[in-house]
N, C-alpha and C. Protein backbone atom coordinates (compact mmCIF):
# COMPACT_ATOMS: atom_id res chain seq x y z
N MET A 1 -48.68 54.74 -23.81
CA MET A 1 -48.76 53.26 -23.70
C MET A 1 -47.43 52.83 -23.42
N LYS A 2 -46.26 53.24 -23.94
CA LYS A 2 -44.92 52.74 -23.79
C LYS A 2 -44.49 53.10 -22.44
N THR A 3 -44.78 54.14 -21.87
CA THR A 3 -44.40 54.54 -20.50
C THR A 3 -45.05 53.70 -19.54
N MET A 4 -46.41 53.34 -19.78
CA MET A 4 -47.16 52.54 -18.81
C MET A 4 -46.57 51.06 -18.74
N ILE A 5 -46.24 50.44 -19.96
CA ILE A 5 -45.53 49.19 -19.84
C ILE A 5 -44.37 49.31 -19.12
N GLN A 6 -43.39 50.36 -19.42
CA GLN A 6 -42.14 50.50 -18.63
C GLN A 6 -42.40 50.56 -17.10
N THR A 7 -43.45 51.32 -16.73
CA THR A 7 -43.86 51.56 -15.34
C THR A 7 -44.04 50.21 -14.56
N VAL A 8 -45.08 49.47 -15.45
CA VAL A 8 -45.45 48.01 -14.79
C VAL A 8 -44.17 47.07 -14.62
N LEU A 9 -43.39 47.12 -15.79
CA LEU A 9 -42.15 46.27 -15.70
C LEU A 9 -41.22 46.76 -14.39
N VAL A 10 -41.03 48.00 -14.22
CA VAL A 10 -40.18 48.45 -13.14
C VAL A 10 -40.76 48.12 -11.84
N VAL A 11 -42.08 48.32 -11.64
CA VAL A 11 -42.98 47.80 -10.46
C VAL A 11 -42.76 46.25 -10.10
N ASN A 12 -42.87 45.47 -11.37
CA ASN A 12 -42.58 44.10 -11.08
C ASN A 12 -41.13 43.70 -10.74
N LEU A 13 -40.28 44.36 -11.14
CA LEU A 13 -38.93 44.17 -10.87
C LEU A 13 -38.65 44.40 -9.34
N LEU A 14 -39.31 45.61 -9.00
CA LEU A 14 -39.06 46.00 -7.66
C LEU A 14 -39.80 45.10 -6.61
N MET A 15 -40.99 44.50 -7.03
CA MET A 15 -41.69 43.60 -6.34
C MET A 15 -41.01 42.11 -6.14
N LEU A 16 -40.08 41.74 -7.03
CA LEU A 16 -39.54 40.55 -6.91
C LEU A 16 -38.12 40.54 -6.91
N HIS A 17 -37.60 40.16 -5.85
CA HIS A 17 -36.12 40.11 -5.51
C HIS A 17 -35.66 38.64 -5.96
N SER A 18 -34.67 38.59 -6.97
CA SER A 18 -34.25 37.37 -7.40
C SER A 18 -32.83 37.18 -7.35
N ALA A 19 -32.30 36.01 -7.04
CA ALA A 19 -30.98 35.53 -6.91
C ALA A 19 -30.89 34.22 -7.49
N VAL A 20 -29.61 33.84 -8.06
CA VAL A 20 -29.38 32.70 -8.67
C VAL A 20 -28.06 32.14 -7.89
N HIS A 21 -28.13 30.77 -7.58
CA HIS A 21 -26.96 30.14 -6.77
C HIS A 21 -26.67 28.79 -7.54
N SER A 22 -25.37 28.47 -7.44
CA SER A 22 -25.00 27.22 -8.08
C SER A 22 -24.46 26.27 -7.03
N LEU A 23 -24.86 24.94 -7.13
CA LEU A 23 -24.58 23.99 -6.11
C LEU A 23 -24.14 22.81 -6.76
N SER A 24 -22.88 22.14 -6.43
CA SER A 24 -22.48 21.03 -7.04
C SER A 24 -22.54 19.88 -5.93
N ALA A 25 -22.86 18.81 -6.33
CA ALA A 25 -23.04 17.72 -5.47
C ALA A 25 -22.25 16.31 -5.99
N SER A 26 -21.98 15.48 -5.21
CA SER A 26 -21.62 14.15 -5.72
C SER A 26 -22.68 13.27 -5.66
N CYS A 27 -22.61 12.34 -6.47
CA CYS A 27 -23.57 11.27 -6.60
C CYS A 27 -23.98 10.64 -5.32
N GLN A 28 -25.10 10.22 -4.83
CA GLN A 28 -25.39 9.53 -3.58
C GLN A 28 -25.28 10.52 -2.39
N GLU A 29 -24.99 11.75 -2.68
CA GLU A 29 -24.70 12.65 -1.37
C GLU A 29 -26.28 13.19 -0.99
N ASP A 30 -26.44 13.67 0.22
CA ASP A 30 -27.63 14.31 0.55
C ASP A 30 -27.37 15.89 0.31
N VAL A 31 -28.50 16.60 -0.24
CA VAL A 31 -28.29 17.91 -0.49
C VAL A 31 -29.39 18.81 0.14
N THR A 32 -28.95 19.90 0.59
CA THR A 32 -30.00 20.95 1.30
C THR A 32 -30.02 22.00 0.18
N LEU A 33 -31.11 22.46 -0.24
CA LEU A 33 -31.30 23.63 -1.00
C LEU A 33 -32.00 24.75 -0.23
N ARG A 34 -31.15 25.91 0.03
CA ARG A 34 -31.84 26.85 0.92
C ARG A 34 -32.46 27.92 0.27
N CYS A 35 -33.70 28.36 0.91
CA CYS A 35 -34.60 29.38 0.49
C CYS A 35 -33.99 30.58 1.11
N PRO A 36 -34.33 31.92 0.59
CA PRO A 36 -33.76 33.13 1.17
C PRO A 36 -34.33 33.25 2.58
N GLU A 37 -33.88 34.14 3.38
CA GLU A 37 -34.48 34.42 4.62
C GLU A 37 -35.85 34.90 4.45
N VAL A 38 -36.79 34.20 4.92
CA VAL A 38 -38.30 34.23 4.70
C VAL A 38 -38.84 35.25 5.60
N GLY A 39 -38.44 35.46 6.82
CA GLY A 39 -38.89 36.54 7.61
C GLY A 39 -40.39 36.18 8.09
N SER A 40 -41.19 37.23 8.51
CA SER A 40 -42.50 37.02 9.07
C SER A 40 -43.48 37.57 8.09
N ASP A 41 -43.10 38.35 7.05
CA ASP A 41 -44.16 39.12 6.18
C ASP A 41 -44.32 38.27 4.85
N PHE A 42 -44.60 37.10 4.90
CA PHE A 42 -44.79 36.20 3.67
C PHE A 42 -46.20 35.56 3.81
N VAL A 43 -46.67 35.41 2.59
CA VAL A 43 -48.07 34.57 2.42
C VAL A 43 -47.77 33.27 2.14
N SER A 44 -46.72 32.85 1.28
CA SER A 44 -46.46 31.63 0.94
C SER A 44 -45.06 31.44 0.43
N VAL A 45 -44.58 30.01 0.81
CA VAL A 45 -43.24 29.69 0.36
C VAL A 45 -43.36 28.33 -0.62
N THR A 46 -42.92 28.44 -1.83
CA THR A 46 -43.02 27.35 -2.66
C THR A 46 -41.82 26.98 -3.41
N TRP A 47 -41.52 25.60 -3.47
CA TRP A 47 -40.35 25.07 -4.21
C TRP A 47 -40.89 24.48 -5.53
N TYR A 48 -40.11 24.84 -6.62
CA TYR A 48 -40.40 24.35 -7.91
C TYR A 48 -39.10 23.64 -8.40
N LYS A 49 -39.32 22.89 -9.53
CA LYS A 49 -38.19 22.40 -10.25
C LYS A 49 -38.49 22.82 -11.78
N GLN A 50 -37.55 23.42 -12.52
CA GLN A 50 -37.80 23.66 -13.92
C GLN A 50 -37.46 22.39 -14.76
N ILE A 51 -38.62 21.80 -15.41
CA ILE A 51 -38.41 20.72 -16.24
C ILE A 51 -39.11 21.05 -17.64
N ASP A 52 -38.00 21.14 -18.68
CA ASP A 52 -38.58 21.28 -20.10
C ASP A 52 -39.13 22.77 -20.16
N GLN A 53 -38.65 23.72 -19.47
CA GLN A 53 -39.12 25.23 -19.71
C GLN A 53 -40.48 25.31 -18.89
N HIS A 54 -40.84 24.42 -17.88
CA HIS A 54 -42.06 24.42 -17.22
C HIS A 54 -41.54 24.30 -15.73
N LYS A 55 -42.39 25.07 -14.79
CA LYS A 55 -42.31 24.88 -13.41
C LYS A 55 -43.03 23.70 -12.83
N CYS A 56 -42.40 22.91 -12.27
CA CYS A 56 -43.02 21.67 -11.72
C CYS A 56 -43.07 21.77 -10.11
N GLY A 57 -44.32 21.86 -9.59
CA GLY A 57 -44.17 22.03 -8.14
C GLY A 57 -43.71 20.98 -7.26
N ILE A 58 -43.04 21.18 -6.22
CA ILE A 58 -42.55 20.29 -5.32
C ILE A 58 -43.34 20.20 -4.01
N LEU A 59 -43.26 21.44 -3.29
CA LEU A 59 -43.92 21.55 -2.06
C LEU A 59 -44.19 23.10 -1.79
N ARG A 60 -45.24 23.23 -0.86
CA ARG A 60 -45.66 24.59 -0.60
C ARG A 60 -46.06 24.71 0.90
N TRP A 61 -45.56 25.84 1.50
CA TRP A 61 -46.11 26.26 2.70
C TRP A 61 -47.12 27.53 2.51
N PRO A 62 -48.49 27.17 2.84
CA PRO A 62 -49.34 28.24 2.32
C PRO A 62 -49.19 29.48 3.39
N SER A 63 -48.73 29.23 4.61
CA SER A 63 -48.59 30.43 5.39
C SER A 63 -47.49 30.23 6.31
N LYS A 64 -47.11 31.09 7.20
CA LYS A 64 -46.05 30.94 8.10
C LYS A 64 -46.45 30.23 9.40
N ASP A 65 -47.87 30.10 9.54
CA ASP A 65 -48.53 29.29 10.69
C ASP A 65 -48.56 27.90 10.34
N THR A 66 -48.31 27.52 9.07
CA THR A 66 -48.39 25.96 8.71
C THR A 66 -46.88 25.38 9.01
N SER A 67 -46.86 24.29 9.75
CA SER A 67 -45.65 23.73 9.95
C SER A 67 -45.27 22.64 8.93
N THR A 68 -46.42 22.11 8.45
CA THR A 68 -46.32 21.14 7.26
C THR A 68 -46.54 21.49 6.04
N PRO A 69 -45.74 21.36 4.94
CA PRO A 69 -46.11 21.89 3.78
C PRO A 69 -46.96 20.91 2.99
N THR A 70 -47.67 21.39 1.91
CA THR A 70 -48.50 20.64 0.96
C THR A 70 -47.38 20.03 -0.14
N PHE A 71 -47.48 18.83 -0.43
CA PHE A 71 -46.65 18.27 -1.44
C PHE A 71 -47.47 18.16 -2.70
N PHE A 72 -46.83 18.60 -3.77
CA PHE A 72 -47.23 18.53 -5.27
C PHE A 72 -46.98 17.00 -5.66
N LYS A 73 -47.43 16.64 -6.75
CA LYS A 73 -47.15 15.42 -7.37
C LYS A 73 -45.78 15.58 -8.15
N PHE A 74 -44.71 15.49 -7.30
CA PHE A 74 -43.44 15.48 -7.93
C PHE A 74 -42.79 14.07 -7.99
N ASN A 75 -41.99 13.80 -8.95
CA ASN A 75 -41.53 12.51 -9.30
C ASN A 75 -40.53 11.93 -8.39
N ARG A 76 -40.24 12.58 -7.41
CA ARG A 76 -39.24 12.12 -6.43
C ARG A 76 -39.56 12.45 -5.02
N SER A 77 -39.14 11.70 -4.08
CA SER A 77 -39.33 11.83 -2.76
C SER A 77 -38.46 13.01 -2.27
N VAL A 78 -38.99 13.96 -1.46
CA VAL A 78 -38.14 15.10 -0.86
C VAL A 78 -38.53 15.27 0.57
N HIS A 79 -37.53 16.07 1.21
CA HIS A 79 -37.95 16.37 2.68
C HIS A 79 -37.94 17.90 2.79
N TYR A 80 -38.21 18.30 3.91
CA TYR A 80 -38.16 19.70 4.16
C TYR A 80 -37.54 20.01 5.50
N ASP A 81 -37.13 21.32 5.78
CA ASP A 81 -36.54 21.70 7.02
C ASP A 81 -37.28 22.92 7.75
N GLN A 82 -37.15 23.16 8.82
CA GLN A 82 -37.99 24.29 9.40
C GLN A 82 -37.65 25.66 8.91
N ASP A 83 -36.55 25.81 8.27
CA ASP A 83 -36.18 27.16 7.77
C ASP A 83 -36.51 27.14 6.16
N TYR A 84 -37.47 26.39 5.77
CA TYR A 84 -38.13 26.15 4.40
C TYR A 84 -37.04 25.83 3.38
N SER A 85 -36.05 24.96 3.87
CA SER A 85 -35.08 24.39 2.85
C SER A 85 -35.73 23.20 2.23
N LEU A 86 -35.17 22.83 1.08
CA LEU A 86 -35.68 21.49 0.52
C LEU A 86 -34.43 20.53 0.67
N LEU A 87 -34.85 19.38 1.21
CA LEU A 87 -33.84 18.34 1.40
C LEU A 87 -34.03 17.23 0.44
N ILE A 88 -32.93 16.96 -0.38
CA ILE A 88 -32.98 15.91 -1.37
C ILE A 88 -32.01 14.95 -0.82
N SER A 89 -32.43 13.55 -0.63
CA SER A 89 -31.48 12.53 -0.22
C SER A 89 -31.04 11.70 -1.36
N VAL A 90 -29.76 11.23 -1.15
CA VAL A 90 -29.06 10.31 -2.11
C VAL A 90 -29.35 10.84 -3.67
N VAL A 91 -28.87 12.03 -3.88
CA VAL A 91 -28.89 12.50 -5.25
C VAL A 91 -28.32 11.79 -6.27
N THR A 92 -28.86 11.91 -7.60
CA THR A 92 -28.28 11.23 -8.79
C THR A 92 -28.28 12.17 -9.87
N PRO A 93 -27.53 12.11 -10.98
CA PRO A 93 -27.58 12.92 -12.01
C PRO A 93 -28.92 13.46 -12.48
N ALA A 94 -29.83 12.65 -12.38
CA ALA A 94 -31.41 12.90 -12.74
C ALA A 94 -31.78 14.12 -11.94
N ASP A 95 -31.22 14.39 -10.81
CA ASP A 95 -31.73 15.41 -9.91
C ASP A 95 -31.14 16.75 -10.38
N SER A 96 -30.12 16.73 -11.24
CA SER A 96 -29.53 17.95 -11.64
C SER A 96 -30.63 18.72 -12.38
N GLY A 97 -30.49 20.09 -12.31
CA GLY A 97 -31.34 21.07 -12.74
C GLY A 97 -31.55 22.21 -11.97
N THR A 98 -32.48 23.04 -12.41
CA THR A 98 -32.73 24.41 -11.66
C THR A 98 -33.99 24.29 -10.79
N TYR A 99 -33.71 24.55 -9.44
CA TYR A 99 -34.73 24.64 -8.53
C TYR A 99 -35.15 26.06 -8.22
N GLU A 100 -36.26 26.36 -7.81
CA GLU A 100 -36.73 27.69 -7.45
C GLU A 100 -37.60 27.71 -6.20
N CYS A 101 -36.99 28.70 -5.40
CA CYS A 101 -37.90 28.89 -4.12
C CYS A 101 -38.47 30.14 -4.28
N GLU A 102 -39.81 30.32 -4.32
CA GLU A 102 -40.55 31.64 -4.39
C GLU A 102 -41.23 31.91 -3.02
N VAL A 103 -40.98 33.06 -2.60
CA VAL A 103 -41.59 33.53 -1.32
C VAL A 103 -42.55 34.68 -1.71
N GLY A 104 -43.83 34.35 -1.56
CA GLY A 104 -44.84 35.36 -1.81
C GLY A 104 -44.99 36.37 -0.55
N ALA A 105 -44.78 37.60 -0.67
CA ALA A 105 -44.84 38.53 0.32
C ALA A 105 -46.23 39.05 0.66
N LYS A 106 -46.49 39.57 1.88
CA LYS A 106 -47.78 40.22 2.09
C LYS A 106 -47.85 41.59 1.31
N VAL A 107 -48.92 42.10 1.26
CA VAL A 107 -49.20 43.44 0.40
C VAL A 107 -48.22 44.45 1.05
N GLY A 108 -47.57 44.94 0.22
CA GLY A 108 -46.51 45.98 0.52
C GLY A 108 -45.11 45.42 0.84
N GLY A 109 -45.05 44.15 0.88
CA GLY A 109 -43.70 43.46 0.95
C GLY A 109 -42.97 43.27 -0.21
N GLN A 110 -41.96 42.52 -0.22
CA GLN A 110 -41.24 42.31 -1.51
C GLN A 110 -41.09 40.78 -1.61
N ASN A 111 -41.55 40.27 -2.77
CA ASN A 111 -41.56 38.87 -3.20
C ASN A 111 -40.13 38.59 -3.35
N LYS A 112 -39.62 37.36 -3.13
CA LYS A 112 -38.25 36.92 -3.23
C LYS A 112 -38.35 35.59 -3.97
N LYS A 113 -37.26 35.58 -4.84
CA LYS A 113 -37.20 34.43 -5.59
C LYS A 113 -35.69 33.84 -5.60
N VAL A 114 -35.47 32.61 -5.38
CA VAL A 114 -34.08 32.06 -5.50
C VAL A 114 -33.96 30.96 -6.48
N GLU A 115 -33.09 30.97 -7.43
CA GLU A 115 -32.71 29.95 -8.33
C GLU A 115 -31.66 29.16 -7.87
N VAL A 116 -31.68 27.89 -7.72
CA VAL A 116 -30.55 27.01 -7.25
C VAL A 116 -30.29 26.18 -8.51
N LYS A 117 -29.19 26.28 -9.14
CA LYS A 117 -28.78 25.18 -10.18
C LYS A 117 -28.02 24.17 -9.51
N LEU A 118 -28.67 23.09 -9.57
CA LEU A 118 -27.84 21.89 -8.90
C LEU A 118 -27.16 20.97 -9.98
N ASP A 119 -26.02 20.69 -9.78
CA ASP A 119 -25.19 19.77 -10.80
C ASP A 119 -24.69 18.81 -10.04
N VAL A 120 -25.28 17.40 -10.36
CA VAL A 120 -24.92 16.21 -9.57
C VAL A 120 -23.86 15.37 -10.52
N SER A 121 -22.73 15.07 -9.94
CA SER A 121 -21.77 14.42 -10.72
C SER A 121 -22.22 12.94 -11.13
N ALA A 122 -21.55 12.37 -12.21
CA ALA A 122 -22.17 10.93 -12.53
C ALA A 122 -21.70 10.05 -11.47
N CYS A 123 -22.43 9.09 -11.36
CA CYS A 123 -22.38 7.96 -10.35
C CYS A 123 -21.26 7.13 -10.88
N VAL A 124 -20.23 6.93 -10.31
CA VAL A 124 -19.10 5.96 -10.78
C VAL A 124 -18.97 4.89 -9.72
N THR A 125 -19.18 3.69 -10.10
CA THR A 125 -18.83 2.58 -9.22
C THR A 125 -17.37 2.16 -9.24
N PRO A 126 -16.75 2.31 -8.19
CA PRO A 126 -15.22 2.13 -8.16
C PRO A 126 -14.92 0.63 -8.53
N ALA A 127 -13.99 0.63 -9.39
CA ALA A 127 -13.50 -0.77 -9.86
C ALA A 127 -12.92 -1.56 -8.75
N VAL A 128 -13.17 -2.75 -8.70
CA VAL A 128 -12.53 -3.59 -7.66
C VAL A 128 -11.40 -4.47 -8.42
N PRO A 129 -10.31 -4.21 -7.92
CA PRO A 129 -9.28 -5.00 -8.68
C PRO A 129 -9.44 -6.50 -8.29
N THR A 130 -9.14 -7.28 -9.39
CA THR A 130 -9.14 -8.72 -9.30
C THR A 130 -7.69 -9.13 -9.02
N PRO A 131 -7.62 -9.88 -7.93
CA PRO A 131 -6.27 -10.42 -7.61
C PRO A 131 -5.79 -11.50 -8.66
N VAL A 132 -4.61 -11.25 -8.85
CA VAL A 132 -3.97 -12.24 -9.95
C VAL A 132 -3.01 -13.16 -9.17
N THR A 133 -3.36 -14.50 -9.25
CA THR A 133 -2.56 -15.39 -8.78
C THR A 133 -1.52 -16.04 -9.64
N PRO A 134 -0.37 -15.90 -9.35
CA PRO A 134 0.64 -16.49 -10.35
C PRO A 134 0.55 -17.89 -10.43
N VAL A 135 0.63 -18.51 -11.65
CA VAL A 135 0.70 -19.93 -11.83
C VAL A 135 2.04 -20.36 -12.14
N PRO A 136 2.68 -21.29 -11.29
CA PRO A 136 4.02 -21.72 -11.44
C PRO A 136 4.05 -22.64 -12.72
N ILE A 137 5.09 -22.42 -13.48
CA ILE A 137 5.42 -23.06 -14.59
C ILE A 137 6.72 -23.88 -14.50
N THR A 138 6.54 -25.07 -14.75
CA THR A 138 7.72 -25.96 -14.57
C THR A 138 8.35 -26.21 -16.09
N THR A 139 9.47 -26.65 -16.07
CA THR A 139 10.29 -26.89 -17.38
C THR A 139 9.41 -27.95 -18.21
N SER A 140 8.70 -28.95 -17.59
CA SER A 140 7.99 -29.86 -18.30
C SER A 140 6.86 -29.06 -19.18
N ASP A 141 6.02 -28.05 -18.33
CA ASP A 141 5.20 -27.20 -19.00
C ASP A 141 5.66 -26.57 -20.14
N LEU A 142 6.85 -26.02 -20.07
CA LEU A 142 7.45 -25.23 -21.08
C LEU A 142 7.60 -26.08 -22.49
N CYS A 143 7.95 -27.36 -22.11
CA CYS A 143 8.17 -28.24 -23.24
C CYS A 143 6.83 -28.54 -23.95
N ARG A 144 5.94 -28.79 -23.22
CA ARG A 144 4.58 -28.91 -23.86
C ARG A 144 4.00 -27.69 -24.67
N LEU A 145 4.37 -26.43 -24.34
CA LEU A 145 3.92 -25.34 -24.94
C LEU A 145 4.55 -24.99 -26.25
N GLN A 146 5.76 -25.75 -26.43
CA GLN A 146 6.49 -25.34 -27.67
C GLN A 146 5.82 -25.97 -28.90
N VAL A 147 6.16 -25.56 -30.05
CA VAL A 147 5.51 -26.14 -31.32
C VAL A 147 6.04 -27.52 -31.61
N GLN A 148 5.13 -28.43 -31.96
CA GLN A 148 5.69 -29.69 -32.29
C GLN A 148 6.02 -29.72 -33.86
N GLU A 149 7.29 -30.17 -34.20
CA GLU A 149 7.63 -30.13 -35.57
C GLU A 149 7.12 -31.55 -36.18
N LEU A 150 6.68 -31.54 -37.44
CA LEU A 150 6.47 -32.71 -38.13
C LEU A 150 7.74 -33.28 -38.73
N PRO A 151 7.76 -34.56 -38.73
CA PRO A 151 9.08 -35.25 -39.24
C PRO A 151 9.00 -34.93 -40.96
N VAL A 152 10.13 -34.89 -41.44
CA VAL A 152 10.34 -34.66 -42.96
C VAL A 152 9.55 -35.73 -43.74
N LEU A 153 9.47 -36.93 -43.23
CA LEU A 153 8.78 -37.96 -44.05
C LEU A 153 7.08 -37.59 -44.11
N TRP A 154 6.68 -36.97 -43.13
CA TRP A 154 5.20 -36.65 -43.17
C TRP A 154 5.08 -35.54 -44.05
N SER A 155 6.03 -34.57 -44.04
CA SER A 155 5.86 -33.36 -44.94
C SER A 155 5.97 -33.97 -46.56
N ALA A 156 6.84 -34.86 -46.79
CA ALA A 156 7.04 -35.28 -48.12
C ALA A 156 5.80 -35.87 -48.56
N VAL A 157 5.23 -36.85 -47.67
CA VAL A 157 4.06 -37.50 -48.06
C VAL A 157 2.86 -36.70 -48.30
N VAL A 158 2.64 -35.57 -47.55
CA VAL A 158 1.58 -34.55 -47.89
C VAL A 158 1.91 -33.86 -49.03
N TYR A 159 3.00 -33.34 -49.35
CA TYR A 159 3.11 -32.50 -50.42
C TYR A 159 3.12 -33.35 -51.70
N GLY A 160 3.64 -34.59 -51.59
CA GLY A 160 3.61 -35.54 -52.78
C GLY A 160 2.12 -35.87 -53.09
N THR A 161 1.27 -36.16 -52.01
CA THR A 161 -0.28 -36.32 -52.24
C THR A 161 -0.76 -35.29 -52.92
N VAL A 162 -0.54 -34.02 -52.48
CA VAL A 162 -1.25 -32.83 -53.10
C VAL A 162 -0.87 -32.61 -54.52
N GLY A 163 0.55 -32.95 -54.88
CA GLY A 163 0.98 -32.89 -56.28
C GLY A 163 0.44 -33.89 -57.12
N LEU A 164 0.18 -35.17 -56.72
CA LEU A 164 -0.35 -36.23 -57.38
C LEU A 164 -1.84 -35.92 -57.66
N ALA A 165 -2.58 -35.21 -56.71
CA ALA A 165 -3.98 -34.92 -56.86
C ALA A 165 -4.12 -33.89 -58.01
N LYS A 166 -3.25 -32.89 -58.04
CA LYS A 166 -3.29 -31.86 -59.14
C LYS A 166 -3.02 -32.50 -60.50
N ILE A 167 -2.06 -33.50 -60.61
CA ILE A 167 -1.73 -34.00 -61.92
C ILE A 167 -2.88 -34.87 -62.32
N VAL A 168 -3.47 -35.68 -61.48
CA VAL A 168 -4.70 -36.48 -61.79
C VAL A 168 -5.87 -35.56 -62.34
N LEU A 169 -6.19 -34.46 -61.41
CA LEU A 169 -7.30 -33.59 -61.98
C LEU A 169 -7.11 -32.93 -63.24
N SER A 170 -5.69 -32.48 -63.45
CA SER A 170 -5.44 -31.92 -64.76
C SER A 170 -5.58 -32.82 -65.96
N ILE A 171 -5.12 -34.26 -65.86
CA ILE A 171 -5.32 -35.16 -66.85
C ILE A 171 -6.90 -35.32 -67.18
N ILE A 172 -7.67 -35.43 -66.07
CA ILE A 172 -9.10 -35.64 -66.31
C ILE A 172 -9.76 -34.50 -67.01
N ILE A 173 -9.44 -33.22 -66.82
CA ILE A 173 -9.86 -32.00 -67.35
C ILE A 173 -9.42 -32.04 -68.84
N VAL A 174 -8.29 -32.44 -69.21
CA VAL A 174 -7.79 -32.35 -70.51
C VAL A 174 -8.54 -33.42 -71.31
N LEU A 175 -8.79 -34.60 -70.73
CA LEU A 175 -9.70 -35.74 -71.27
C LEU A 175 -11.17 -35.38 -71.61
N ILE A 176 -11.75 -34.58 -70.76
CA ILE A 176 -13.15 -33.90 -70.82
C ILE A 176 -13.08 -33.02 -72.02
N ILE A 177 -12.13 -32.04 -72.18
CA ILE A 177 -12.04 -31.08 -73.16
C ILE A 177 -11.96 -31.85 -74.43
N ARG A 178 -11.04 -32.90 -74.58
CA ARG A 178 -10.91 -33.53 -75.84
C ARG A 178 -12.14 -34.27 -76.33
N CYS A 179 -12.85 -34.94 -75.23
CA CYS A 179 -14.14 -35.60 -75.83
C CYS A 179 -14.97 -34.54 -76.35
N VAL A 180 -15.18 -33.35 -75.70
CA VAL A 180 -15.96 -32.25 -76.01
C VAL A 180 -15.78 -31.87 -77.47
N GLN A 181 -14.55 -31.62 -77.75
CA GLN A 181 -14.05 -31.18 -79.09
C GLN A 181 -14.40 -32.27 -80.31
N ILE A 182 -14.14 -33.60 -79.74
CA ILE A 182 -14.30 -34.77 -80.88
C ILE A 182 -15.73 -34.73 -81.14
N THR A 183 -16.68 -34.75 -80.00
CA THR A 183 -18.12 -34.69 -80.31
C THR A 183 -18.58 -33.59 -80.96
N SER A 184 -18.08 -32.39 -80.88
CA SER A 184 -18.60 -31.10 -81.64
C SER A 184 -18.06 -31.39 -82.99
N SER A 185 -16.92 -31.83 -83.36
CA SER A 185 -16.36 -31.91 -84.76
C SER A 185 -17.29 -33.00 -85.47
N LYS A 186 -17.65 -34.07 -84.82
CA LYS A 186 -18.53 -35.00 -85.51
C LYS A 186 -19.76 -34.54 -85.90
N ARG A 187 -20.33 -33.64 -85.16
CA ARG A 187 -21.60 -33.11 -85.42
C ARG A 187 -21.52 -32.08 -86.49
N ARG A 188 -20.46 -31.44 -86.56
CA ARG A 188 -20.29 -30.49 -87.82
C ARG A 188 -20.18 -31.36 -89.23
N GLN A 189 -19.38 -32.32 -89.03
CA GLN A 189 -19.32 -33.28 -90.20
C GLN A 189 -20.57 -33.73 -90.64
N GLN A 190 -21.56 -34.17 -89.80
CA GLN A 190 -22.82 -34.69 -90.21
C GLN A 190 -23.82 -33.72 -90.77
N LYS A 191 -23.59 -32.33 -90.39
CA LYS A 191 -24.42 -31.18 -91.06
C LYS A 191 -24.00 -31.01 -92.35
N TRP A 192 -22.73 -31.34 -92.89
CA TRP A 192 -22.39 -31.04 -94.24
C TRP A 192 -22.97 -32.01 -95.22
């Protein structure tokens, strides 16, 4: 049983020729993902994108005689080229990921699979510098910007008023406390 599984695994590996490529692109750039040389001994060519560990179909040529591929319900508009390449216009970071081109060979041929890992850089809007216009300052403006000092008389009046208010409040509080003490002592005397 073990040798049969190993044999099937080796046959599958021989039937599927696989390659992995990496491609970096700038944001808003047009990208072409190339499929391996297809040749004439194929049954189909299919492009997929891996999304959450699942293959999502993009487009498929069912045979070499078909010039227009069949489009799957992919969440983005794509184009194709005559050499079975996948064309993605104006890429964004959302287009980053692993794309697969699978070439299904005729009986006796070798299937091919190419993975293209697309990495799209972040979209950065260039900062537009704001021109700074200098504002001329005259000597009269400088005088207005300085701190205005209060006259000594105003300072004395303000501090004197605050001090007098503190004295009056203290006298009122002392009188209230005295009244409360006198009232409470009279009540004690009446209880005896």
